[in-house]
């Protein structure tokens, strides 16, 4: 009819079988959990063992020995130099090559701005190099290349073409003692070069030198006529447009100029000589 209840000493007592069943169920749950954990550990151990075995096997497989290093993107830097920086000797196994170390060695070269190295299975390494782009040559006792970000990165070699505008007026002492001011002047000079390159307005289509002065700003010299143009530190684009109009007018009148001072946007001063004069 149902579960019986025993009356003893005026108290209701439930049978012990229920408690024993509950204790047994708890024990079984613990056992099942331990078996499950043990099985998972066994699977993990088997997986690690197999992974290690496969790795050791691949390291010994001659099919994965490095047999070729392909270099792309190098122009200034020779292929031989790039290969020597990879330092991959003795045909190592492709799996044992540490790409981060190869990248670090390549990036130590002053002309390399960015490099990507990847493995091409089964036996090749691909090196893709992005070189720095010089924008000018800066004179600091010695001549150095300076890139588009204003970074001075490499000495100019004896066999180089010197086909970049020169930045003059700074010294190494100024660069070390007041780097903030030096950076400001260099940044302004490069800004001026970018504007010249975009606008391409006469007479400053091509310039040979930009001289920087802390107080008076920059002045430049054209490559063909040797014309000196003072630009100050600001309003380069507007000054170039007005300078171009002045230059065209001088040409129409038959005059050539020795120098043009554009420091003051509202008052440009021309020092001119008659055409053909000295």
C-alpha atoms as a PDB file:
ATOM      1  CA  UNK A   1       0.000   0.000   0.000  1.00  0.00           C
ATOM      2  CA  UNK A   2       2.957   2.288   0.527  1.00  0.00           C
ATOM      3  CA  UNK A   3       6.011   2.861   2.624  1.00  0.00           C
ATOM      4  CA  UNK A   4       5.570   1.730   6.243  1.00  0.00           C
ATOM      5  CA  UNK A   5       6.534   3.903   9.173  1.00  0.00           C
ATOM      6  CA  UNK A   6       7.720   2.408  12.466  1.00  0.00           C
ATOM      7  CA  UNK A   7       6.658   3.991  15.733  1.00  0.00           C
ATOM      8  CA  UNK A   8       9.347   3.748  18.415  1.00  0.00           C
ATOM      9  CA  UNK A   9       9.380   5.677  21.666  1.00  0.00           C
ATOM     10  CA  UNK A  10       6.775   8.008  20.362  1.00  0.00           C
ATOM     11  CA  UNK A  11       8.829   9.033  17.327  1.00  0.00           C
ATOM     12  CA  UNK A  12       8.345   8.414  13.685  1.00  0.00           C
ATOM     13  CA  UNK A  13      11.421   6.648  12.186  1.00  0.00           C
ATOM     14  CA  UNK A  14      11.973   6.282   8.442  1.00  0.00           C
ATOM     15  CA  UNK A  15      13.752   3.197   7.181  1.00  0.00           C
ATOM     16  CA  UNK A  16      17.579   3.405   6.695  1.00  0.00           C
ATOM     17  CA  UNK A  17      17.425   1.942   3.209  1.00  0.00           C
ATOM     18  CA  UNK A  18      16.728   5.380   1.616  1.00  0.00           C
ATOM     19  CA  UNK A  19      19.825   6.951   3.201  1.00  0.00           C
ATOM     20  CA  UNK A  20      21.934   3.997   2.139  1.00  0.00           C
ATOM     21  CA  UNK A  21      20.628   4.330  -1.403  1.00  0.00           C
ATOM     22  CA  UNK A  22      21.458   8.037  -1.436  1.00  0.00           C
ATOM     23  CA  UNK A  23      24.984   7.386  -0.201  1.00  0.00           C
ATOM     24  CA  UNK A  24      25.452   4.721  -2.847  1.00  0.00           C
ATOM     25  CA  UNK A  25      24.299   7.035  -5.609  1.00  0.00           C
ATOM     26  CA  UNK A  26      26.754   9.718  -4.510  1.00  0.00           C
ATOM     27  CA  UNK A  27      29.601   7.209  -4.515  1.00  0.00           C
ATOM     28  CA  UNK A  28      28.674   6.055  -8.016  1.00  0.00           C
ATOM     29  CA  UNK A  29      28.646   9.620  -9.272  1.00  0.00           C
ATOM     30  CA  UNK A  30      32.143  10.181  -7.890  1.00  0.00           C
ATOM     31  CA  UNK A  31      33.410   6.977  -9.472  1.00  0.00           C
ATOM     32  CA  UNK A  32      31.917   7.884 -12.858  1.00  0.00           C
ATOM     33  CA  UNK A  33      33.472  11.347 -12.691  1.00  0.00           C
ATOM     34  CA  UNK A  34      36.887   9.904 -11.860  1.00  0.00           C
ATOM     35  CA  UNK A  35      36.614   7.460 -14.748  1.00  0.00           C
ATOM     36  CA  UNK A  36      35.650  10.265 -17.119  1.00  0.00           C
ATOM     37  CA  UNK A  37      38.590  12.457 -15.988  1.00  0.00           C
ATOM     38  CA  UNK A  38      40.980   9.525 -16.239  1.00  0.00           C
ATOM     39  CA  UNK A  39      39.756   8.798 -19.778  1.00  0.00           C
ATOM     40  CA  UNK A  40      40.238  12.443 -20.800  1.00  0.00           C
ATOM     41  CA  UNK A  41      43.766  12.456 -19.366  1.00  0.00           C
ATOM     42  CA  UNK A  42      44.502   9.271 -21.246  1.00  0.00           C
ATOM     43  CA  UNK A  43      43.290  10.808 -24.503  1.00  0.00           C
ATOM     44  CA  UNK A  44      45.351  13.957 -23.892  1.00  0.00           C
ATOM     45  CA  UNK A  45      48.453  11.900 -23.152  1.00  0.00           C
ATOM     46  CA  UNK A  46      47.911   9.875 -26.314  1.00  0.00           C
ATOM     47  CA  UNK A  47      47.444  13.057 -28.367  1.00  0.00           C
ATOM     48  CA  UNK A  48      50.630  14.635 -26.965  1.00  0.00           C
ATOM     49  CA  UNK A  49      52.571  11.444 -27.582  1.00  0.00           C
ATOM     50  CA  UNK A  50      51.374  11.231 -31.173  1.00  0.00           C
ATOM     51  CA  UNK A  51      52.037  14.932 -31.789  1.00  0.00           C
ATOM     52  CA  UNK A  52      55.595  14.589 -30.497  1.00  0.00           C
ATOM     53  CA  UNK A  53      56.130  11.490 -32.602  1.00  0.00           C
ATOM     54  CA  UNK A  54      54.868  13.229 -35.736  1.00  0.00           C
ATOM     55  CA  UNK A  55      57.042  16.312 -35.024  1.00  0.00           C
ATOM     56  CA  UNK A  56      60.171  14.194 -34.552  1.00  0.00           C
ATOM     57  CA  UNK A  57      59.364  12.278 -37.726  1.00  0.00           C
ATOM     58  CA  UNK A  58      58.921  15.490 -39.750  1.00  0.00           C
ATOM     59  CA  UNK A  59      62.166  16.942 -38.391  1.00  0.00           C
ATOM     60  CA  UNK A  60      64.014  13.944 -39.717  1.00  0.00           C
ATOM     61  CA  UNK A  61      62.268  13.859 -43.078  1.00  0.00           C
ATOM     62  CA  UNK A  62      64.675  15.120 -45.806  1.00  0.00           C
ATOM     63  CA  UNK A  63      61.706  16.329 -47.865  1.00  0.00           C
ATOM     64  CA  UNK A  64      61.362  19.339 -45.535  1.00  0.00           C
ATOM     65  CA  UNK A  65      64.955  20.550 -45.683  1.00  0.00           C
ATOM     66  CA  UNK A  66      65.270  24.165 -46.833  1.00  0.00           C
ATOM     67  CA  UNK A  67      66.499  24.116 -50.411  1.00  0.00           C
ATOM     68  CA  UNK A  68      65.551  27.601 -51.630  1.00  0.00           C
ATOM     69  CA  UNK A  69      65.222  31.134 -50.212  1.00  0.00           C
ATOM     70  CA  UNK A  70      63.257  33.525 -52.432  1.00  0.00           C
ATOM     71  CA  UNK A  71      63.812  37.275 -51.886  1.00  0.00           C
ATOM     72  CA  UNK A  72      61.352  39.855 -53.207  1.00  0.00           C
ATOM     73  CA  UNK A  73      61.314  43.661 -53.074  1.00  0.00           C
ATOM     74  CA  UNK A  74      64.999  44.453 -52.617  1.00  0.00           C
ATOM     75  CA  UNK A  75      66.322  47.247 -54.841  1.00  0.00           C
ATOM     76  CA  UNK A  76      68.927  49.162 -52.894  1.00  0.00           C
ATOM     77  CA  UNK A  77      69.952  46.093 -50.903  1.00  0.00           C
ATOM     78  CA  UNK A  78      71.564  43.297 -52.893  1.00  0.00           C
ATOM     79  CA  UNK A  79      70.131  39.798 -52.856  1.00  0.00           C
ATOM     80  CA  UNK A  80      73.428  38.486 -51.474  1.00  0.00           C
ATOM     81  CA  UNK A  81      73.167  40.842 -48.476  1.00  0.00           C
ATOM     82  CA  UNK A  82      69.595  39.797 -47.762  1.00  0.00           C
ATOM     83  CA  UNK A  83      70.497  36.114 -47.990  1.00  0.00           C
ATOM     84  CA  UNK A  84      73.410  36.608 -45.611  1.00  0.00           C
ATOM     85  CA  UNK A  85      71.077  38.267 -43.085  1.00  0.00           C
ATOM     86  CA  UNK A  86      68.731  35.293 -43.081  1.00  0.00           C
ATOM     87  CA  UNK A  87      71.588  33.114 -41.767  1.00  0.00           C
ATOM     88  CA  UNK A  88      69.933  29.868 -42.884  1.00  0.00           C
ATOM     89  CA  UNK A  89      72.885  27.529 -43.265  1.00  0.00           C
ATOM     90  CA  UNK A  90      73.349  23.808 -43.705  1.00  0.00           C
ATOM     91  CA  UNK A  91      69.914  23.128 -45.203  1.00  0.00           C
ATOM     92  CA  UNK A  92      68.002  23.013 -41.897  1.00  0.00           C
ATOM     93  CA  UNK A  93      64.585  21.454 -41.585  1.00  0.00           C
ATOM     94  CA  UNK A  94      61.820  23.914 -42.422  1.00  0.00           C
ATOM     95  CA  UNK A  95      60.023  23.139 -39.158  1.00  0.00           C
ATOM     96  CA  UNK A  96      63.099  24.132 -37.120  1.00  0.00           C
ATOM     97  CA  UNK A  97      63.519  27.594 -38.726  1.00  0.00           C
ATOM     98  CA  UNK A  98      62.468  30.364 -36.308  1.00  0.00           C
ATOM     99  CA  UNK A  99      60.918  33.093 -38.434  1.00  0.00           C
ATOM    100  CA  UNK A 100      60.946  35.733 -35.678  1.00  0.00           C
ATOM    101  CA  UNK A 101      64.725  35.502 -35.441  1.00  0.00           C
ATOM    102  CA  UNK A 102      65.078  35.801 -39.222  1.00  0.00           C
ATOM    103  CA  UNK A 103      62.824  38.895 -39.240  1.00  0.00           C
ATOM    104  CA  UNK A 104      64.814  40.460 -36.391  1.00  0.00           C
ATOM    105  CA  UNK A 105      68.107  40.023 -38.243  1.00  0.00           C
ATOM    106  CA  UNK A 106      66.700  41.468 -41.457  1.00  0.00           C
ATOM    107  CA  UNK A 107      65.154  44.484 -39.702  1.00  0.00           C
ATOM    108  CA  UNK A 108      68.569  45.327 -38.242  1.00  0.00           C
ATOM    109  CA  UNK A 109      69.597  46.545 -41.712  1.00  0.00           C
ATOM    110  CA  UNK A 110      69.117  50.359 -41.849  1.00  0.00           C
ATOM    111  CA  UNK A 111      67.505  50.288 -45.301  1.00  0.00           C
ATOM    112  CA  UNK A 112      64.798  47.802 -44.365  1.00  0.00           C
ATOM    113  CA  UNK A 113      61.583  49.393 -43.108  1.00  0.00           C
ATOM    114  CA  UNK A 114      59.428  46.273 -43.003  1.00  0.00           C
ATOM    115  CA  UNK A 115      59.951  42.609 -43.766  1.00  0.00           C
ATOM    116  CA  UNK A 116      57.708  39.555 -44.012  1.00  0.00           C
ATOM    117  CA  UNK A 117      59.098  36.037 -43.875  1.00  0.00           C
ATOM    118  CA  UNK A 118      57.030  32.888 -44.320  1.00  0.00           C
ATOM    119  CA  UNK A 119      57.545  29.197 -44.898  1.00  0.00           C
ATOM    120  CA  UNK A 120      56.449  27.711 -48.201  1.00  0.00           C
ATOM    121  CA  UNK A 121      56.149  23.969 -47.817  1.00  0.00           C
ATOM    122  CA  UNK A 122      57.774  21.645 -48.388  1.00  0.00           C
ATOM    123  CA  UNK A 123      61.233  23.258 -48.667  1.00  0.00           C
ATOM    124  CA  UNK A 124      61.181  27.001 -49.376  1.00  0.00           C
ATOM    125  CA  UNK A 125      61.413  30.287 -47.419  1.00  0.00           C
ATOM    126  CA  UNK A 126      59.912  33.468 -48.897  1.00  0.00           C
ATOM    127  CA  UNK A 127      61.366  36.845 -47.830  1.00  0.00           C
ATOM    128  CA  UNK A 128      59.441  39.994 -48.809  1.00  0.00           C
ATOM    129  CA  UNK A 129      61.264  43.245 -48.107  1.00  0.00           C
ATOM    130  CA  UNK A 130      59.957  46.805 -48.050  1.00  0.00           C
ATOM    131  CA  UNK A 131      62.828  49.277 -48.190  1.00  0.00           C
ATOM    132  CA  UNK A 132      62.883  52.779 -46.760  1.00  0.00           C
ATOM    133  CA  UNK A 133      62.164  55.534 -49.252  1.00  0.00           C
ATOM    134  CA  UNK A 134      64.720  58.358 -49.031  1.00  0.00           C
ATOM    135  CA  UNK A 135      63.264  61.827 -49.427  1.00  0.00           C
ATOM    136  CA  UNK A 136      66.372  63.929 -48.957  1.00  0.00           C
ATOM    137  CA  UNK A 137      70.016  63.903 -47.872  1.00  0.00           C
ATOM    138  CA  UNK A 138      70.816  65.721 -44.648  1.00  0.00           C
ATOM    139  CA  UNK A 139      74.255  67.148 -43.950  1.00  0.00           C
ATOM    140  CA  UNK A 140      75.461  66.484 -40.388  1.00  0.00           C
ATOM    141  CA  UNK A 141      79.239  66.663 -40.777  1.00  0.00           C
ATOM    142  CA  UNK A 142      78.634  63.553 -42.888  1.00  0.00           C
ATOM    143  CA  UNK A 143      75.842  62.936 -45.361  1.00  0.00           C
ATOM    144  CA  UNK A 144      72.861  60.805 -44.323  1.00  0.00           C
ATOM    145  CA  UNK A 145      69.676  59.674 -45.996  1.00  0.00           C
ATOM    146  CA  UNK A 146      66.437  60.817 -44.405  1.00  0.00           C
ATOM    147  CA  UNK A 147      63.138  59.080 -45.161  1.00  0.00           C
ATOM    148  CA  UNK A 148      59.579  60.326 -45.607  1.00  0.00           C
ATOM    149  CA  UNK A 149      58.954  60.099 -41.840  1.00  0.00           C
ATOM    150  CA  UNK A 150      61.945  62.288 -41.008  1.00  0.00           C
ATOM    151  CA  UNK A 151      64.062  59.357 -39.801  1.00  0.00           C
ATOM    152  CA  UNK A 152      67.810  59.653 -40.410  1.00  0.00           C
ATOM    153  CA  UNK A 153      68.678  56.066 -41.216  1.00  0.00           C
ATOM    154  CA  UNK A 154      71.851  55.529 -43.245  1.00  0.00           C
ATOM    155  CA  UNK A 155      75.100  57.109 -44.381  1.00  0.00           C
ATOM    156  CA  UNK A 156      75.287  58.061 -48.033  1.00  0.00           C
ATOM    157  CA  UNK A 157      77.684  55.715 -49.798  1.00  0.00           C
ATOM    158  CA  UNK A 158      80.521  56.856 -51.993  1.00  0.00           C
ATOM    159  CA  UNK A 159      78.964  55.208 -55.038  1.00  0.00           C
ATOM    160  CA  UNK A 160      75.449  56.529 -54.436  1.00  0.00           C
ATOM    161  CA  UNK A 161      73.849  58.874 -56.933  1.00  0.00           C
ATOM    162  CA  UNK A 162      73.251  61.896 -54.638  1.00  0.00           C
ATOM    163  CA  UNK A 163      70.032  62.513 -56.556  1.00  0.00           C
ATOM    164  CA  UNK A 164      68.023  63.932 -53.643  1.00  0.00           C
ATOM    165  CA  UNK A 165      67.661  67.493 -52.304  1.00  0.00           C
ATOM    166  CA  UNK A 166      70.105  68.432 -49.560  1.00  0.00           C
ATOM    167  CA  UNK A 167      68.978  69.610 -46.127  1.00  0.00           C
ATOM    168  CA  UNK A 168      71.542  71.900 -44.546  1.00  0.00           C
ATOM    169  CA  UNK A 169      71.712  74.229 -41.542  1.00  0.00           C
ATOM    170  CA  UNK A 170      71.565  71.638 -38.752  1.00  0.00           C
ATOM    171  CA  UNK A 171      74.546  70.181 -36.940  1.00  0.00           C
ATOM    172  CA  UNK A 172      74.905  66.973 -34.993  1.00  0.00           C
ATOM    173  CA  UNK A 173      75.358  69.086 -31.849  1.00  0.00           C
ATOM    174  CA  UNK A 174      71.987  70.806 -32.355  1.00  0.00           C
ATOM    175  CA  UNK A 175      70.373  67.459 -33.140  1.00  0.00           C
ATOM    176  CA  UNK A 176      71.635  65.981 -29.857  1.00  0.00           C
ATOM    177  CA  UNK A 177      71.129  69.023 -27.602  1.00  0.00           C
ATOM    178  CA  UNK A 178      67.724  70.119 -28.877  1.00  0.00           C
ATOM    179  CA  UNK A 179      66.120  67.149 -30.703  1.00  0.00           C
ATOM    180  CA  UNK A 180      62.620  68.659 -30.504  1.00  0.00           C
ATOM    181  CA  UNK A 181      63.653  71.804 -32.389  1.00  0.00           C
ATOM    182  CA  UNK A 182      65.713  69.793 -34.855  1.00  0.00           C
ATOM    183  CA  UNK A 183      62.736  67.521 -35.512  1.00  0.00           C
ATOM    184  CA  UNK A 184      60.502  70.570 -36.064  1.00  0.00           C
ATOM    185  CA  UNK A 185      62.839  72.026 -38.673  1.00  0.00           C
ATOM    186  CA  UNK A 186      63.255  68.728 -40.486  1.00  0.00           C
ATOM    187  CA  UNK A 187      59.489  68.134 -40.484  1.00  0.00           C
ATOM    188  CA  UNK A 188      58.870  71.575 -41.983  1.00  0.00           C
ATOM    189  CA  UNK A 189      61.509  71.053 -44.659  1.00  0.00           C
ATOM    190  CA  UNK A 190      59.976  67.710 -45.664  1.00  0.00           C
ATOM    191  CA  UNK A 191      56.504  69.263 -45.681  1.00  0.00           C
ATOM    192  CA  UNK A 192      57.818  71.871 -48.097  1.00  0.00           C
ATOM    193  CA  UNK A 193      59.299  69.152 -50.328  1.00  0.00           C
ATOM    194  CA  UNK A 194      55.973  67.301 -50.444  1.00  0.00           C
ATOM    195  CA  UNK A 195      54.119  70.454 -51.471  1.00  0.00           C
ATOM    196  CA  UNK A 196      56.673  71.172 -54.200  1.00  0.00           C
ATOM    197  CA  UNK A 197      56.282  67.633 -55.499  1.00  0.00           C
ATOM    198  CA  UNK A 198      52.476  67.937 -55.616  1.00  0.00           C
ATOM    199  CA  UNK A 199      52.175  71.471 -57.003  1.00  0.00           C
ATOM    200  CA  UNK A 200      55.126  71.441 -59.435  1.00  0.00           C
ATOM    201  CA  UNK A 201      54.952  75.207 -59.886  1.00  0.00           C
ATOM    202  CA  UNK A 202      57.783  77.202 -61.478  1.00  0.00           C
ATOM    203  CA  UNK A 203      60.413  78.114 -60.596  1.00  0.00           C
ATOM    204  CA  UNK A 204      60.581  75.438 -57.872  1.00  0.00           C
ATOM    205  CA  UNK A 205      59.843  72.280 -59.849  1.00  0.00           C
ATOM    206  CA  UNK A 206      63.232  70.953 -58.789  1.00  0.00           C
ATOM    207  CA  UNK A 207      65.436  72.192 -55.993  1.00  0.00           C
ATOM    208  CA  UNK A 208      68.976  71.258 -55.042  1.00  0.00           C
ATOM    209  CA  UNK A 209      69.130  72.438 -51.427  1.00  0.00           C
ATOM    210  CA  UNK A 210      66.949  73.491 -48.503  1.00  0.00           C
ATOM    211  CA  UNK A 211      68.737  75.469 -45.818  1.00  0.00           C
ATOM    212  CA  UNK A 212      67.073  75.614 -42.381  1.00  0.00           C
ATOM    213  CA  UNK A 213      67.400  78.508 -39.945  1.00  0.00           C
ATOM    214  CA  UNK A 214      65.643  78.551 -36.585  1.00  0.00           C
ATOM    215  CA  UNK A 215      64.643  82.236 -36.738  1.00  0.00           C
ATOM    216  CA  UNK A 216      64.276  83.007 -40.458  1.00  0.00           C
ATOM    217  CA  UNK A 217      62.859  79.697 -41.648  1.00  0.00           C
ATOM    218  CA  UNK A 218      63.914  77.801 -44.729  1.00  0.00           C
ATOM    219  CA  UNK A 219      65.311  79.006 -47.997  1.00  0.00           C
ATOM    220  CA  UNK A 220      66.003  76.878 -51.014  1.00  0.00           C
ATOM    221  CA  UNK A 221      67.998  76.910 -54.226  1.00  0.00           C
ATOM    222  CA  UNK A 222      66.678  75.761 -57.585  1.00  0.00           C
ATOM    223  CA  UNK A 223      68.601  73.092 -59.446  1.00  0.00           C
ATOM    224  CA  UNK A 224      68.756  74.780 -62.872  1.00  0.00           C
ATOM    225  CA  UNK A 225      68.896  78.567 -62.343  1.00  0.00           C
ATOM    226  CA  UNK A 226      70.431  78.530 -58.850  1.00  0.00           C
ATOM    227  CA  UNK A 227      67.675  80.920 -57.735  1.00  0.00           C
ATOM    228  CA  UNK A 228      67.493  81.488 -53.982  1.00  0.00           C
ATOM    229  CA  UNK A 229      63.970  81.569 -52.524  1.00  0.00           C
ATOM    230  CA  UNK A 230      63.239  82.355 -48.867  1.00  0.00           C
ATOM    231  CA  UNK A 231      60.041  80.725 -47.590  1.00  0.00           C
ATOM    232  CA  UNK A 232      59.929  81.264 -43.827  1.00  0.00           C
ATOM    233  CA  UNK A 233      58.201  78.525 -41.820  1.00  0.00           C
ATOM    234  CA  UNK A 234      54.511  78.778 -42.752  1.00  0.00           C
ATOM    235  CA  UNK A 235      51.977  79.078 -45.642  1.00  0.00           C
ATOM    236  CA  UNK A 236      54.145  77.207 -48.146  1.00  0.00           C
ATOM    237  CA  UNK A 237      51.356  76.376 -50.594  1.00  0.00           C
ATOM    238  CA  UNK A 238      50.027  79.937 -50.855  1.00  0.00           C
ATOM    239  CA  UNK A 239      53.530  81.350 -51.129  1.00  0.00           C
ATOM    240  CA  UNK A 240      54.366  78.949 -53.943  1.00  0.00           C
ATOM    241  CA  UNK A 241      51.302  80.063 -55.906  1.00  0.00           C
ATOM    242  CA  UNK A 242      52.193  83.745 -55.567  1.00  0.00           C
ATOM    243  CA  UNK A 243      55.846  83.007 -56.321  1.00  0.00           C
ATOM    244  CA  UNK A 244      54.809  81.271 -59.544  1.00  0.00           C
ATOM    245  CA  UNK A 245      52.807  84.339 -60.625  1.00  0.00           C
ATOM    246  CA  UNK A 246      55.758  86.627 -59.870  1.00  0.00           C
ATOM    247  CA  UNK A 247      58.121  84.333 -61.756  1.00  0.00           C
ATOM    248  CA  UNK A 248      55.869  84.269 -64.824  1.00  0.00           C
ATOM    249  CA  UNK A 249      55.644  88.057 -64.785  1.00  0.00           C
ATOM    250  CA  UNK A 250      59.437  88.393 -64.564  1.00  0.00           C
ATOM    251  CA  UNK A 251      59.818  86.089 -67.552  1.00  0.00           C
ATOM    252  CA  UNK A 252      57.356  88.132 -69.602  1.00  0.00           C
ATOM    253  CA  UNK A 253      59.254  91.320 -68.796  1.00  0.00           C
ATOM    254  CA  UNK A 254      62.576  89.765 -69.732  1.00  0.00           C
ATOM    255  CA  UNK A 255      64.083  89.728 -66.250  1.00  0.00           C
ATOM    256  CA  UNK A 256      65.817  87.003 -64.306  1.00  0.00           C
ATOM    257  CA  UNK A 257      66.009  87.006 -60.530  1.00  0.00           C
ATOM    258  CA  UNK A 258      68.899  86.349 -58.209  1.00  0.00           C
ATOM    259  CA  UNK A 259      66.683  85.808 -55.172  1.00  0.00           C
ATOM    260  CA  UNK A 260      63.063  86.140 -54.085  1.00  0.00           C
ATOM    261  CA  UNK A 261      62.088  86.618 -50.457  1.00  0.00           C
ATOM    262  CA  UNK A 262      58.681  85.064 -49.758  1.00  0.00           C
ATOM    263  CA  UNK A 263      59.004  85.072 -45.967  1.00  0.00           C
ATOM    264  CA  UNK A 264      56.211  87.638 -45.690  1.00  0.00           C
ATOM    265  CA  UNK A 265      53.140  86.435 -47.556  1.00  0.00           C
ATOM    266  CA  UNK A 266      51.902  90.026 -47.984  1.00  0.00           C
ATOM    267  CA  UNK A 267      55.193  91.468 -49.225  1.00  0.00           C
ATOM    268  CA  UNK A 268      57.473  89.472 -51.494  1.00  0.00           C
ATOM    269  CA  UNK A 269      60.819  91.051 -52.376  1.00  0.00           C
ATOM    270  CA  UNK A 270      62.566  90.275 -55.666  1.00  0.00           C
ATOM    271  CA  UNK A 271      66.222  90.917 -56.288  1.00  0.00           C
ATOM    272  CA  UNK A 272      66.509  90.888 -60.047  1.00  0.00           C
ATOM    273  CA  UNK A 273      68.961  91.557 -62.840  1.00  0.00           C
ATOM    274  CA  UNK A 274      68.195  92.320 -66.476  1.00  0.00           C
ATOM    275  CA  UNK A 275      68.012  89.227 -68.661  1.00  0.00           C
ATOM    276  CA  UNK A 276      71.520  88.329 -69.797  1.00  0.00           C
ATOM    277  CA  UNK A 277      73.128  90.579 -67.167  1.00  0.00           C
ATOM    278  CA  UNK A 278      75.618  89.597 -64.490  1.00  0.00           C
END
